[in-house]
PDB file of N, CA and C in Angstrom:
ATOM      1  N   UNK A   1      -4.139  26.315   2.114  1.00  0.00           N
ATOM      2  CA  UNK A   1      -3.572  27.377   1.329  1.00  0.00           C
ATOM      3  C   UNK A   1      -3.662  27.005  -0.147  1.00  0.00           C
ATOM      4  N   UNK A   2      -4.089  27.938  -0.967  1.00  0.00           N
ATOM      5  CA  UNK A   2      -4.183  27.683  -2.406  1.00  0.00           C
ATOM      6  C   UNK A   2      -2.859  28.017  -3.094  1.00  0.00           C
ATOM      7  N   UNK A   3      -2.730  27.576  -4.321  1.00  0.00           N
ATOM      8  CA  UNK A   3      -1.556  27.919  -5.123  1.00  0.00           C
ATOM      9  C   UNK A   3      -1.471  29.439  -5.266  1.00  0.00           C
ATOM     10  N   UNK A   4      -2.599  30.087  -5.468  1.00  0.00           N
ATOM     11  CA  UNK A   4      -2.639  31.543  -5.606  1.00  0.00           C
ATOM     12  C   UNK A   4      -2.099  32.233  -4.346  1.00  0.00           C
ATOM     13  N   UNK A   5      -2.565  31.777  -3.184  1.00  0.00           N
ATOM     14  CA  UNK A   5      -2.106  32.352  -1.919  1.00  0.00           C
ATOM     15  C   UNK A   5      -0.615  32.127  -1.711  1.00  0.00           C
ATOM     16  N   UNK A   6      -0.163  30.926  -2.023  1.00  0.00           N
ATOM     17  CA  UNK A   6       1.260  30.604  -1.913  1.00  0.00           C
ATOM     18  C   UNK A   6       2.088  31.514  -2.814  1.00  0.00           C
ATOM     19  N   UNK A   7       1.628  31.691  -4.043  1.00  0.00           N
ATOM     20  CA  UNK A   7       2.343  32.544  -4.992  1.00  0.00           C
ATOM     21  C   UNK A   7       2.420  33.982  -4.491  1.00  0.00           C
ATOM     22  N   UNK A   8       1.329  34.452  -3.913  1.00  0.00           N
ATOM     23  CA  UNK A   8       1.299  35.832  -3.427  1.00  0.00           C
ATOM     24  C   UNK A   8       2.234  36.015  -2.230  1.00  0.00           C
ATOM     25  N   UNK A   9       2.128  35.127  -1.252  1.00  0.00           N
ATOM     26  CA  UNK A   9       2.924  35.248  -0.034  1.00  0.00           C
ATOM     27  C   UNK A   9       4.419  35.144  -0.333  1.00  0.00           C
ATOM     28  N   UNK A  10       4.791  34.253  -1.232  1.00  0.00           N
ATOM     29  CA  UNK A  10       6.207  34.028  -1.539  1.00  0.00           C
ATOM     30  C   UNK A  10       6.692  34.855  -2.732  1.00  0.00           C
ATOM     31  N   UNK A  11       5.812  35.683  -3.290  1.00  0.00           N
ATOM     32  CA  UNK A  11       6.153  36.513  -4.441  1.00  0.00           C
ATOM     33  C   UNK A  11       6.698  35.673  -5.595  1.00  0.00           C
ATOM     34  N   UNK A  12       5.978  34.578  -5.878  1.00  0.00           N
ATOM     35  CA  UNK A  12       6.359  33.693  -6.975  1.00  0.00           C
ATOM     36  C   UNK A  12       5.825  34.252  -8.286  1.00  0.00           C
ATOM     37  N   UNK A  13       6.603  34.135  -9.335  1.00  0.00           N
ATOM     38  CA  UNK A  13       6.147  34.543 -10.657  1.00  0.00           C
ATOM     39  C   UNK A  13       5.298  33.413 -11.239  1.00  0.00           C
ATOM     40  N   UNK A  14       4.069  33.716 -11.580  1.00  0.00           N
ATOM     41  CA  UNK A  14       3.158  32.726 -12.165  1.00  0.00           C
ATOM     42  C   UNK A  14       3.356  32.766 -13.679  1.00  0.00           C
ATOM     43  N   UNK A  15       3.760  31.651 -14.260  1.00  0.00           N
ATOM     44  CA  UNK A  15       4.055  31.581 -15.692  1.00  0.00           C
ATOM     45  C   UNK A  15       2.857  31.158 -16.526  1.00  0.00           C
ATOM     46  N   UNK A  16       1.841  30.568 -15.895  1.00  0.00           N
ATOM     47  CA  UNK A  16       0.735  29.952 -16.623  1.00  0.00           C
ATOM     48  C   UNK A  16      -0.605  30.652 -16.392  1.00  0.00           C
ATOM     49  N   UNK A  17      -0.585  31.920 -16.046  1.00  0.00           N
ATOM     50  CA  UNK A  17      -1.842  32.642 -15.841  1.00  0.00           C
ATOM     51  C   UNK A  17      -2.629  32.066 -14.679  1.00  0.00           C
ATOM     52  N   UNK A  18      -3.936  31.968 -14.829  1.00  0.00           N
ATOM     53  CA  UNK A  18      -4.810  31.509 -13.749  1.00  0.00           C
ATOM     54  C   UNK A  18      -4.917  29.991 -13.637  1.00  0.00           C
ATOM     55  N   UNK A  19      -4.152  29.270 -14.400  1.00  0.00           N
ATOM     56  CA  UNK A  19      -4.242  27.805 -14.411  1.00  0.00           C
ATOM     57  C   UNK A  19      -3.960  27.230 -13.021  1.00  0.00           C
ATOM     58  N   UNK A  20      -4.928  26.526 -12.472  1.00  0.00           N
ATOM     59  CA  UNK A  20      -4.785  25.742 -11.244  1.00  0.00           C
ATOM     60  C   UNK A  20      -4.513  26.569  -9.984  1.00  0.00           C
ATOM     61  N   UNK A  21      -4.657  27.867 -10.037  1.00  0.00           N
ATOM     62  CA  UNK A  21      -4.286  28.703  -8.894  1.00  0.00           C
ATOM     63  C   UNK A  21      -5.213  28.554  -7.693  1.00  0.00           C
ATOM     64  N   UNK A  22      -6.410  28.044  -7.896  1.00  0.00           N
ATOM     65  CA  UNK A  22      -7.339  27.896  -6.785  1.00  0.00           C
ATOM     66  C   UNK A  22      -7.299  26.505  -6.147  1.00  0.00           C
ATOM     67  N   UNK A  23      -6.367  25.674  -6.598  1.00  0.00           N
ATOM     68  CA  UNK A  23      -6.203  24.340  -6.004  1.00  0.00           C
ATOM     69  C   UNK A  23      -5.531  24.448  -4.641  1.00  0.00           C
ATOM     70  N   UNK A  24      -5.920  23.571  -3.730  1.00  0.00           N
ATOM     71  CA  UNK A  24      -5.338  23.541  -2.394  1.00  0.00           C
ATOM     72  C   UNK A  24      -3.967  22.866  -2.410  1.00  0.00           C
ATOM     73  N   UNK A  25      -3.026  23.472  -1.714  1.00  0.00           N
ATOM     74  CA  UNK A  25      -1.688  22.897  -1.544  1.00  0.00           C
ATOM     75  C   UNK A  25      -1.668  22.203  -0.190  1.00  0.00           C
ATOM     76  N   UNK A  26      -1.459  20.906  -0.212  1.00  0.00           N
ATOM     77  CA  UNK A  26      -1.462  20.137   1.032  1.00  0.00           C
ATOM     78  C   UNK A  26      -0.069  19.709   1.465  1.00  0.00           C
ATOM     79  N   UNK A  27       0.879  19.760   0.527  1.00  0.00           N
ATOM     80  CA  UNK A  27       2.229  19.287   0.823  1.00  0.00           C
ATOM     81  C   UNK A  27       3.184  19.851  -0.219  1.00  0.00           C
ATOM     82  N   UNK A  28       4.428  19.485  -0.083  1.00  0.00           N
ATOM     83  CA  UNK A  28       5.436  19.873  -1.062  1.00  0.00           C
ATOM     84  C   UNK A  28       6.403  18.729  -1.272  1.00  0.00           C
ATOM     85  N   UNK A  29       7.134  18.796  -2.366  1.00  0.00           N
ATOM     86  CA  UNK A  29       8.133  17.770  -2.659  1.00  0.00           C
ATOM     87  C   UNK A  29       9.257  18.419  -3.442  1.00  0.00           C
ATOM     88  N   UNK A  30      10.479  18.009  -3.145  1.00  0.00           N
ATOM     89  CA  UNK A  30      11.654  18.553  -3.829  1.00  0.00           C
ATOM     90  C   UNK A  30      12.452  17.392  -4.391  1.00  0.00           C
ATOM     91  N   UNK A  31      12.590  17.372  -5.700  1.00  0.00           N
ATOM     92  CA  UNK A  31      13.397  16.346  -6.348  1.00  0.00           C
ATOM     93  C   UNK A  31      13.605  16.730  -7.798  1.00  0.00           C
ATOM     94  N   UNK A  32      14.745  16.366  -8.329  1.00  0.00           N
ATOM     95  CA  UNK A  32      15.037  16.582  -9.741  1.00  0.00           C
ATOM     96  C   UNK A  32      15.035  15.269 -10.519  1.00  0.00           C
ATOM     97  N   UNK A  33      14.716  14.194  -9.839  1.00  0.00           N
ATOM     98  CA  UNK A  33      14.673  12.874 -10.453  1.00  0.00           C
ATOM     99  C   UNK A  33      13.220  12.484 -10.697  1.00  0.00           C
ATOM    100  N   UNK A  34      12.820  12.408 -11.959  1.00  0.00           N
ATOM    101  CA  UNK A  34      11.422  12.164 -12.298  1.00  0.00           C
ATOM    102  C   UNK A  34      10.901  10.860 -11.698  1.00  0.00           C
ATOM    103  N   UNK A  35      11.711   9.812 -11.737  1.00  0.00           N
ATOM    104  CA  UNK A  35      11.254   8.526 -11.195  1.00  0.00           C
ATOM    105  C   UNK A  35      11.009   8.621  -9.690  1.00  0.00           C
ATOM    106  N   UNK A  36      11.771   9.446  -9.001  1.00  0.00           N
ATOM    107  CA  UNK A  36      11.554   9.640  -7.567  1.00  0.00           C
ATOM    108  C   UNK A  36      10.217  10.326  -7.323  1.00  0.00           C
ATOM    109  N   UNK A  37       9.902  11.326  -8.119  1.00  0.00           N
ATOM    110  CA  UNK A  37       8.627  12.032  -7.964  1.00  0.00           C
ATOM    111  C   UNK A  37       7.465  11.108  -8.315  1.00  0.00           C
ATOM    112  N   UNK A  38       7.628  10.296  -9.349  1.00  0.00           N
ATOM    113  CA  UNK A  38       6.584   9.333  -9.709  1.00  0.00           C
ATOM    114  C   UNK A  38       6.325   8.374  -8.550  1.00  0.00           C
ATOM    115  N   UNK A  39       7.373   7.946  -7.881  1.00  0.00           N
ATOM    116  CA  UNK A  39       7.226   6.988  -6.785  1.00  0.00           C
ATOM    117  C   UNK A  39       6.764   7.634  -5.479  1.00  0.00           C
ATOM    118  N   UNK A  40       7.128   8.902  -5.256  1.00  0.00           N
ATOM    119  CA  UNK A  40       6.941   9.475  -3.921  1.00  0.00           C
ATOM    120  C   UNK A  40       6.257  10.831  -3.846  1.00  0.00           C
ATOM    121  N   UNK A  41       6.016  11.482  -4.965  1.00  0.00           N
ATOM    122  CA  UNK A  41       5.419  12.819  -4.939  1.00  0.00           C
ATOM    123  C   UNK A  41       3.997  12.783  -4.402  1.00  0.00           C
ATOM    124  N   UNK A  42       3.716  13.540  -3.331  1.00  0.00           N
ATOM    125  CA  UNK A  42       2.378  13.511  -2.741  1.00  0.00           C
ATOM    126  C   UNK A  42       1.329  14.205  -3.618  1.00  0.00           C
ATOM    127  N   UNK A  43       0.140  13.686  -3.598  1.00  0.00           N
ATOM    128  CA  UNK A  43      -0.993  14.310  -4.279  1.00  0.00           C
ATOM    129  C   UNK A  43      -1.265  15.679  -3.654  1.00  0.00           C
ATOM    130  N   UNK A  44      -1.713  16.621  -4.466  1.00  0.00           N
ATOM    131  CA  UNK A  44      -2.045  17.983  -4.029  1.00  0.00           C
ATOM    132  C   UNK A  44      -0.841  18.725  -3.456  1.00  0.00           C
ATOM    133  N   UNK A  45       0.327  18.426  -4.005  1.00  0.00           N
ATOM    134  CA  UNK A  45       1.546  19.077  -3.532  1.00  0.00           C
ATOM    135  C   UNK A  45       2.075  20.053  -4.575  1.00  0.00           C
ATOM    136  N   UNK A  46       3.025  20.887  -4.129  1.00  0.00           N
ATOM    137  CA  UNK A  46       3.816  21.680  -5.051  1.00  0.00           C
ATOM    138  C   UNK A  46       5.174  20.993  -5.159  1.00  0.00           C
ATOM    139  N   UNK A  47       5.707  20.962  -6.358  1.00  0.00           N
ATOM    140  CA  UNK A  47       6.955  20.257  -6.630  1.00  0.00           C
ATOM    141  C   UNK A  47       8.003  21.292  -7.004  1.00  0.00           C
ATOM    142  N   UNK A  48       9.100  21.294  -6.279  1.00  0.00           N
ATOM    143  CA  UNK A  48      10.216  22.189  -6.560  1.00  0.00           C
ATOM    144  C   UNK A  48      11.277  21.393  -7.311  1.00  0.00           C
ATOM    145  N   UNK A  49      11.632  21.864  -8.510  1.00  0.00           N
ATOM    146  CA  UNK A  49      12.612  21.160  -9.326  1.00  0.00           C
ATOM    147  C   UNK A  49      13.312  22.112 -10.287  1.00  0.00           C
ATOM    148  N   UNK A  50      14.548  21.770 -10.629  1.00  0.00           N
ATOM    149  CA  UNK A  50      15.265  22.535 -11.652  1.00  0.00           C
ATOM    150  C   UNK A  50      14.951  22.007 -13.054  1.00  0.00           C
ATOM    151  N   UNK A  51      14.283  20.876 -13.132  1.00  0.00           N
ATOM    152  CA  UNK A  51      13.890  20.324 -14.436  1.00  0.00           C
ATOM    153  C   UNK A  51      12.863  21.243 -15.077  1.00  0.00           C
ATOM    154  N   UNK A  52      12.997  21.472 -16.386  1.00  0.00           N
ATOM    155  CA  UNK A  52      12.101  22.412 -17.064  1.00  0.00           C
ATOM    156  C   UNK A  52      11.650  21.895 -18.430  1.00  0.00           C
ATOM    157  N   UNK A  53      11.714  20.618 -18.654  1.00  0.00           N
ATOM    158  CA  UNK A  53      11.295  20.041 -19.934  1.00  0.00           C
ATOM    159  C   UNK A  53       9.860  19.534 -19.823  1.00  0.00           C
ATOM    160  N   UNK A  54       9.279  19.206 -20.929  1.00  0.00           N
ATOM    161  CA  UNK A  54       7.866  18.850 -20.993  1.00  0.00           C
ATOM    162  C   UNK A  54       7.516  17.609 -20.165  1.00  0.00           C
ATOM    163  N   UNK A  55       8.464  16.736 -19.910  1.00  0.00           N
ATOM    164  CA  UNK A  55       8.180  15.509 -19.157  1.00  0.00           C
ATOM    165  C   UNK A  55       7.733  15.779 -17.720  1.00  0.00           C
ATOM    166  N   UNK A  56       8.107  16.924 -17.162  1.00  0.00           N
ATOM    167  CA  UNK A  56       7.679  17.230 -15.797  1.00  0.00           C
ATOM    168  C   UNK A  56       6.160  17.374 -15.710  1.00  0.00           C
ATOM    169  N   UNK A  57       5.557  17.783 -16.813  1.00  0.00           N
ATOM    170  CA  UNK A  57       4.096  17.960 -16.829  1.00  0.00           C
ATOM    171  C   UNK A  57       3.384  16.622 -16.732  1.00  0.00           C
ATOM    172  N   UNK A  58       3.894  15.631 -17.434  1.00  0.00           N
ATOM    173  CA  UNK A  58       3.317  14.291 -17.363  1.00  0.00           C
ATOM    174  C   UNK A  58       3.426  13.711 -15.961  1.00  0.00           C
ATOM    175  N   UNK A  59       4.566  13.940 -15.325  1.00  0.00           N
ATOM    176  CA  UNK A  59       4.764  13.462 -13.957  1.00  0.00           C
ATOM    177  C   UNK A  59       3.791  14.163 -13.013  1.00  0.00           C
ATOM    178  N   UNK A  60       3.651  15.472 -13.177  1.00  0.00           N
ATOM    179  CA  UNK A  60       2.730  16.233 -12.323  1.00  0.00           C
ATOM    180  C   UNK A  60       1.302  15.728 -12.484  1.00  0.00           C
ATOM    181  N   UNK A  61       0.869  15.485 -13.697  1.00  0.00           N
ATOM    182  CA  UNK A  61      -0.483  14.974 -13.930  1.00  0.00           C
ATOM    183  C   UNK A  61      -0.655  13.580 -13.326  1.00  0.00           C
ATOM    184  N   UNK A  62       0.338  12.739 -13.507  1.00  0.00           N
ATOM    185  CA  UNK A  62       0.294  11.372 -12.992  1.00  0.00           C
ATOM    186  C   UNK A  62       0.131  11.350 -11.474  1.00  0.00           C
ATOM    187  N   UNK A  63       0.799  12.264 -10.776  1.00  0.00           N
ATOM    188  CA  UNK A  63       0.788  12.291  -9.314  1.00  0.00           C
ATOM    189  C   UNK A  63      -0.195  13.316  -8.739  1.00  0.00           C
ATOM    190  N   UNK A  64      -0.979  13.974  -9.576  1.00  0.00           N
ATOM    191  CA  UNK A  64      -1.925  15.013  -9.134  1.00  0.00           C
ATOM    192  C   UNK A  64      -1.229  16.118  -8.356  1.00  0.00           C
ATOM    193  N   UNK A  65      -0.079  16.540  -8.867  1.00  0.00           N
ATOM    194  CA  UNK A  65       0.674  17.656  -8.303  1.00  0.00           C
ATOM    195  C   UNK A  65       0.055  18.933  -8.847  1.00  0.00           C
ATOM    196  N   UNK A  66      -0.232  19.897  -7.978  1.00  0.00           N
ATOM    197  CA  UNK A  66      -0.994  21.073  -8.390  1.00  0.00           C
ATOM    198  C   UNK A  66      -0.143  22.177  -8.998  1.00  0.00           C
ATOM    199  N   UNK A  67       1.159  22.200  -8.685  1.00  0.00           N
ATOM    200  CA  UNK A  67       2.019  23.245  -9.235  1.00  0.00           C
ATOM    201  C   UNK A  67       3.472  22.793  -9.210  1.00  0.00           C
ATOM    202  N   UNK A  68       4.224  23.323 -10.153  1.00  0.00           N
ATOM    203  CA  UNK A  68       5.660  23.078 -10.223  1.00  0.00           C
ATOM    204  C   UNK A  68       6.352  24.426 -10.042  1.00  0.00           C
ATOM    205  N   UNK A  69       7.326  24.471  -9.146  1.00  0.00           N
ATOM    206  CA  UNK A  69       8.071  25.693  -8.889  1.00  0.00           C
ATOM    207  C   UNK A  69       9.518  25.504  -9.346  1.00  0.00           C
ATOM    208  N   UNK A  70       9.967  26.416 -10.174  1.00  0.00           N
ATOM    209  CA  UNK A  70      11.343  26.420 -10.650  1.00  0.00           C
ATOM    210  C   UNK A  70      12.142  27.449  -9.847  1.00  0.00           C
ATOM    211  N   UNK A  71      13.234  27.025  -9.212  1.00  0.00           N
ATOM    212  CA  UNK A  71      14.032  27.957  -8.408  1.00  0.00           C
ATOM    213  C   UNK A  71      15.047  28.735  -9.253  1.00  0.00           C
ATOM    214  N   UNK A  72      15.733  29.680  -8.608  1.00  0.00           N
ATOM    215  CA  UNK A  72      16.860  30.425  -9.175  1.00  0.00           C
ATOM    216  C   UNK A  72      16.528  31.171 -10.461  1.00  0.00           C
ATOM    217  N   UNK A  73      15.262  31.516 -10.653  1.00  0.00           N
ATOM    218  CA  UNK A  73      14.817  32.215 -11.866  1.00  0.00           C
ATOM    219  C   UNK A  73      15.262  31.529 -13.151  1.00  0.00           C
ATOM    220  N   UNK A  74      15.314  30.193 -13.112  1.00  0.00           N
ATOM    221  CA  UNK A  74      15.688  29.443 -14.306  1.00  0.00           C
ATOM    222  C   UNK A  74      14.634  29.636 -15.391  1.00  0.00           C
ATOM    223  N   UNK A  75      15.086  29.754 -16.616  1.00  0.00           N
ATOM    224  CA  UNK A  75      14.183  30.003 -17.741  1.00  0.00           C
ATOM    225  C   UNK A  75      13.386  28.749 -18.080  1.00  0.00           C
ATOM    226  N   UNK A  76      12.095  28.952 -18.292  1.00  0.00           N
ATOM    227  CA  UNK A  76      11.209  27.880 -18.760  1.00  0.00           C
ATOM    228  C   UNK A  76      10.791  28.257 -20.174  1.00  0.00           C
ATOM    229  N   UNK A  77      11.001  27.367 -21.105  1.00  0.00           N
ATOM    230  CA  UNK A  77      10.703  27.637 -22.512  1.00  0.00           C
ATOM    231  C   UNK A  77       9.202  27.825 -22.730  1.00  0.00           C
ATOM    232  N   UNK A  78       8.866  28.661 -23.694  1.00  0.00           N
ATOM    233  CA  UNK A  78       7.464  28.968 -23.991  1.00  0.00           C
ATOM    234  C   UNK A  78       6.648  27.737 -24.357  1.00  0.00           C
ATOM    235  N   UNK A  79       7.245  26.774 -25.072  1.00  0.00           N
ATOM    236  CA  UNK A  79       6.479  25.578 -25.444  1.00  0.00           C
ATOM    237  C   UNK A  79       6.085  24.770 -24.209  1.00  0.00           C
ATOM    238  N   UNK A  80       6.918  24.760 -23.183  1.00  0.00           N
ATOM    239  CA  UNK A  80       6.594  24.057 -21.941  1.00  0.00           C
ATOM    240  C   UNK A  80       5.485  24.812 -21.200  1.00  0.00           C
ATOM    241  N   UNK A  81       5.572  26.127 -21.187  1.00  0.00           N
ATOM    242  CA  UNK A  81       4.540  26.944 -20.530  1.00  0.00           C
ATOM    243  C   UNK A  81       3.188  26.740 -21.206  1.00  0.00           C
ATOM    244  N   UNK A  82       3.164  26.772 -22.518  1.00  0.00           N
ATOM    245  CA  UNK A  82       1.908  26.584 -23.251  1.00  0.00           C
ATOM    246  C   UNK A  82       1.343  25.186 -23.030  1.00  0.00           C
ATOM    247  N   UNK A  83       2.194  24.207 -23.001  1.00  0.00           N
ATOM    248  CA  UNK A  83       1.741  22.831 -22.753  1.00  0.00           C
ATOM    249  C   UNK A  83       1.197  22.698 -21.331  1.00  0.00           C
ATOM    250  N   UNK A  84       1.845  23.372 -20.366  1.00  0.00           N
ATOM    251  CA  UNK A  84       1.371  23.343 -18.984  1.00  0.00           C
ATOM    252  C   UNK A  84      -0.025  23.934 -18.885  1.00  0.00           C
ATOM    253  N   UNK A  85      -0.267  25.025 -19.599  1.00  0.00           N
ATOM    254  CA  UNK A  85      -1.607  25.628 -19.617  1.00  0.00           C
ATOM    255  C   UNK A  85      -2.628  24.617 -20.138  1.00  0.00           C
ATOM    256  N   UNK A  86      -2.285  23.954 -21.223  1.00  0.00           N
ATOM    257  CA  UNK A  86      -3.195  22.978 -21.828  1.00  0.00           C
ATOM    258  C   UNK A  86      -3.435  21.780 -20.902  1.00  0.00           C
ATOM    259  N   UNK A  87      -2.410  21.397 -20.148  1.00  0.00           N
ATOM    260  CA  UNK A  87      -2.512  20.241 -19.252  1.00  0.00           C
ATOM    261  C   UNK A  87      -3.113  20.599 -17.895  1.00  0.00           C
ATOM    262  N   UNK A  88      -3.236  21.899 -17.606  1.00  0.00           N
ATOM    263  CA  UNK A  88      -3.806  22.319 -16.329  1.00  0.00           C
ATOM    264  C   UNK A  88      -2.853  22.218 -15.156  1.00  0.00           C
ATOM    265  N   UNK A  89      -1.558  22.467 -15.423  1.00  0.00           N
ATOM    266  CA  UNK A  89      -0.542  22.445 -14.369  1.00  0.00           C
ATOM    267  C   UNK A  89       0.018  23.855 -14.210  1.00  0.00           C
ATOM    268  N   UNK A  90      -0.024  24.390 -12.994  1.00  0.00           N
ATOM    269  CA  UNK A  90       0.534  25.718 -12.742  1.00  0.00           C
ATOM    270  C   UNK A  90       2.057  25.638 -12.714  1.00  0.00           C
ATOM    271  N   UNK A  91       2.695  26.556 -13.442  1.00  0.00           N
ATOM    272  CA  UNK A  91       4.150  26.689 -13.389  1.00  0.00           C
ATOM    273  C   UNK A  91       4.478  28.016 -12.742  1.00  0.00           C
ATOM    274  N   UNK A  92       5.359  27.966 -11.753  1.00  0.00           N
ATOM    275  CA  UNK A  92       5.763  29.174 -11.034  1.00  0.00           C
ATOM    276  C   UNK A  92       7.286  29.228 -10.991  1.00  0.00           C
ATOM    277  N   UNK A  93       7.797  30.446 -10.773  1.00  0.00           N
ATOM    278  CA  UNK A  93       9.248  30.613 -10.726  1.00  0.00           C
ATOM    279  C   UNK A  93       9.604  31.561  -9.591  1.00  0.00           C
ATOM    280  N   UNK A  94      10.787  31.337  -9.005  1.00  0.00           N
ATOM    281  CA  UNK A  94      11.273  32.176  -7.921  1.00  0.00           C
ATOM    282  C   UNK A  94      12.775  32.405  -8.070  1.00  0.00           C
ATOM    283  N   UNK A  95      13.244  33.488  -7.510  1.00  0.00           N
ATOM    284  CA  UNK A  95      14.674  33.751  -7.462  1.00  0.00           C
ATOM    285  C   UNK A  95      15.365  33.012  -6.329  1.00  0.00           C
ATOM    286  N   UNK A  96      14.580  32.462  -5.414  1.00  0.00           N
ATOM    287  CA  UNK A  96      15.137  31.706  -4.296  1.00  0.00           C
ATOM    288  C   UNK A  96      15.747  30.397  -4.782  1.00  0.00           C
ATOM    289  N   UNK A  97      16.642  29.836  -3.992  1.00  0.00           N
ATOM    290  CA  UNK A  97      17.157  28.502  -4.298  1.00  0.00           C
ATOM    291  C   UNK A  97      16.089  27.472  -3.945  1.00  0.00           C
ATOM    292  N   UNK A  98      16.269  26.250  -4.381  1.00  0.00           N
ATOM    293  CA  UNK A  98      15.334  25.175  -4.038  1.00  0.00           C
ATOM    294  C   UNK A  98      15.276  24.992  -2.518  1.00  0.00           C
ATOM    295  N   UNK A  99      16.397  25.080  -1.860  1.00  0.00           N
ATOM    296  CA  UNK A  99      16.456  24.959  -0.407  1.00  0.00           C
ATOM    297  C   UNK A  99      15.644  26.065   0.261  1.00  0.00           C
ATOM    298  N   UNK A 100      15.848  27.295  -0.190  1.00  0.00           N
ATOM    299  CA  UNK A 100      15.156  28.427   0.420  1.00  0.00           C
ATOM    300  C   UNK A 100      13.648  28.367   0.217  1.00  0.00           C
ATOM    301  N   UNK A 101      13.207  28.131  -1.009  1.00  0.00           N
ATOM    302  CA  UNK A 101      11.767  28.119  -1.269  1.00  0.00           C
ATOM    303  C   UNK A 101      11.102  26.934  -0.576  1.00  0.00           C
ATOM    304  N   UNK A 102      11.796  25.821  -0.483  1.00  0.00           N
ATOM    305  CA  UNK A 102      11.245  24.659   0.224  1.00  0.00           C
ATOM    306  C   UNK A 102      11.037  24.965   1.697  1.00  0.00           C
ATOM    307  N   UNK A 103      11.999  25.634   2.305  1.00  0.00           N
ATOM    308  CA  UNK A 103      11.864  26.014   3.704  1.00  0.00           C
ATOM    309  C   UNK A 103      10.697  26.958   3.926  1.00  0.00           C
ATOM    310  N   UNK A 104      10.533  27.905   3.010  1.00  0.00           N
ATOM    311  CA  UNK A 104       9.419  28.856   3.106  1.00  0.00           C
ATOM    312  C   UNK A 104       8.077  28.126   2.990  1.00  0.00           C
ATOM    313  N   UNK A 105       7.976  27.226   2.030  1.00  0.00           N
ATOM    314  CA  UNK A 105       6.732  26.471   1.838  1.00  0.00           C
ATOM    315  C   UNK A 105       6.442  25.620   3.070  1.00  0.00           C
ATOM    316  N   UNK A 106       7.451  24.940   3.570  1.00  0.00           N
ATOM    317  CA  UNK A 106       7.280  24.111   4.762  1.00  0.00           C
ATOM    318  C   UNK A 106       6.741  24.947   5.917  1.00  0.00           C
ATOM    319  N   UNK A 107       7.355  26.100   6.149  1.00  0.00           N
ATOM    320  CA  UNK A 107       6.905  26.966   7.235  1.00  0.00           C
ATOM    321  C   UNK A 107       5.461  27.411   7.091  1.00  0.00           C
ATOM    322  N   UNK A 108       5.080  27.778   5.882  1.00  0.00           N
ATOM    323  CA  UNK A 108       3.704  28.219   5.629  1.00  0.00           C
ATOM    324  C   UNK A 108       2.703  27.092   5.840  1.00  0.00           C
ATOM    325  N   UNK A 109       3.028  25.906   5.350  1.00  0.00           N
ATOM    326  CA  UNK A 109       2.097  24.789   5.488  1.00  0.00           C
ATOM    327  C   UNK A 109       2.006  24.301   6.927  1.00  0.00           C
ATOM    328  N   UNK A 110       3.086  24.399   7.682  1.00  0.00           N
ATOM    329  CA  UNK A 110       3.051  24.007   9.088  1.00  0.00           C
ATOM    330  C   UNK A 110       2.170  24.950   9.905  1.00  0.00           C
ATOM    331  N   UNK A 111       2.169  26.236   9.540  1.00  0.00           N
ATOM    332  CA  UNK A 111       1.341  27.222  10.241  1.00  0.00           C
ATOM    333  C   UNK A 111      -0.132  26.989   9.984  1.00  0.00           C
ATOM    334  N   UNK A 112      -0.411  26.368   8.832  1.00  0.00           N
ATOM    335  CA  UNK A 112      -1.811  26.086   8.497  1.00  0.00           C
ATOM    336  C   UNK A 112      -2.383  27.213   7.779  1.00  0.00           C
TER     337      UNK A 112
END
C-alpha cells in the first residue's frame, strides 16, 4: 500500500502535496518520544505522533520513515510543512485519535 492509497482509504488530509505519496508503506510506528523512534522506528513506515516541530523531519529522514501522521487535527505550522516538502517527508493529518488511526493502519496493512 502506498502513502497515497493509505491517505485515500483513511481520508487523511495531505499537508505536503504530492511529496512521497507513491512510497510503499510497510509498517507503522506510534510514539511521541523522538529517541524512541530513532531507536525503533521501522524503515518504510508511517509514524503517528502528536509532535509537530521541525525535529520530527530529521528523525523521519534518519529512519527512512515515509510519512508522519498527526492525529486529532492538531495544527502543523507552515514552516514545518514547507521544510517537510523540501526534505521529502509526507505530512498527513487526521481527526482520529492516535489510537484510532493506528488501529486502522494496522488493519489495512494486515489485509495486505
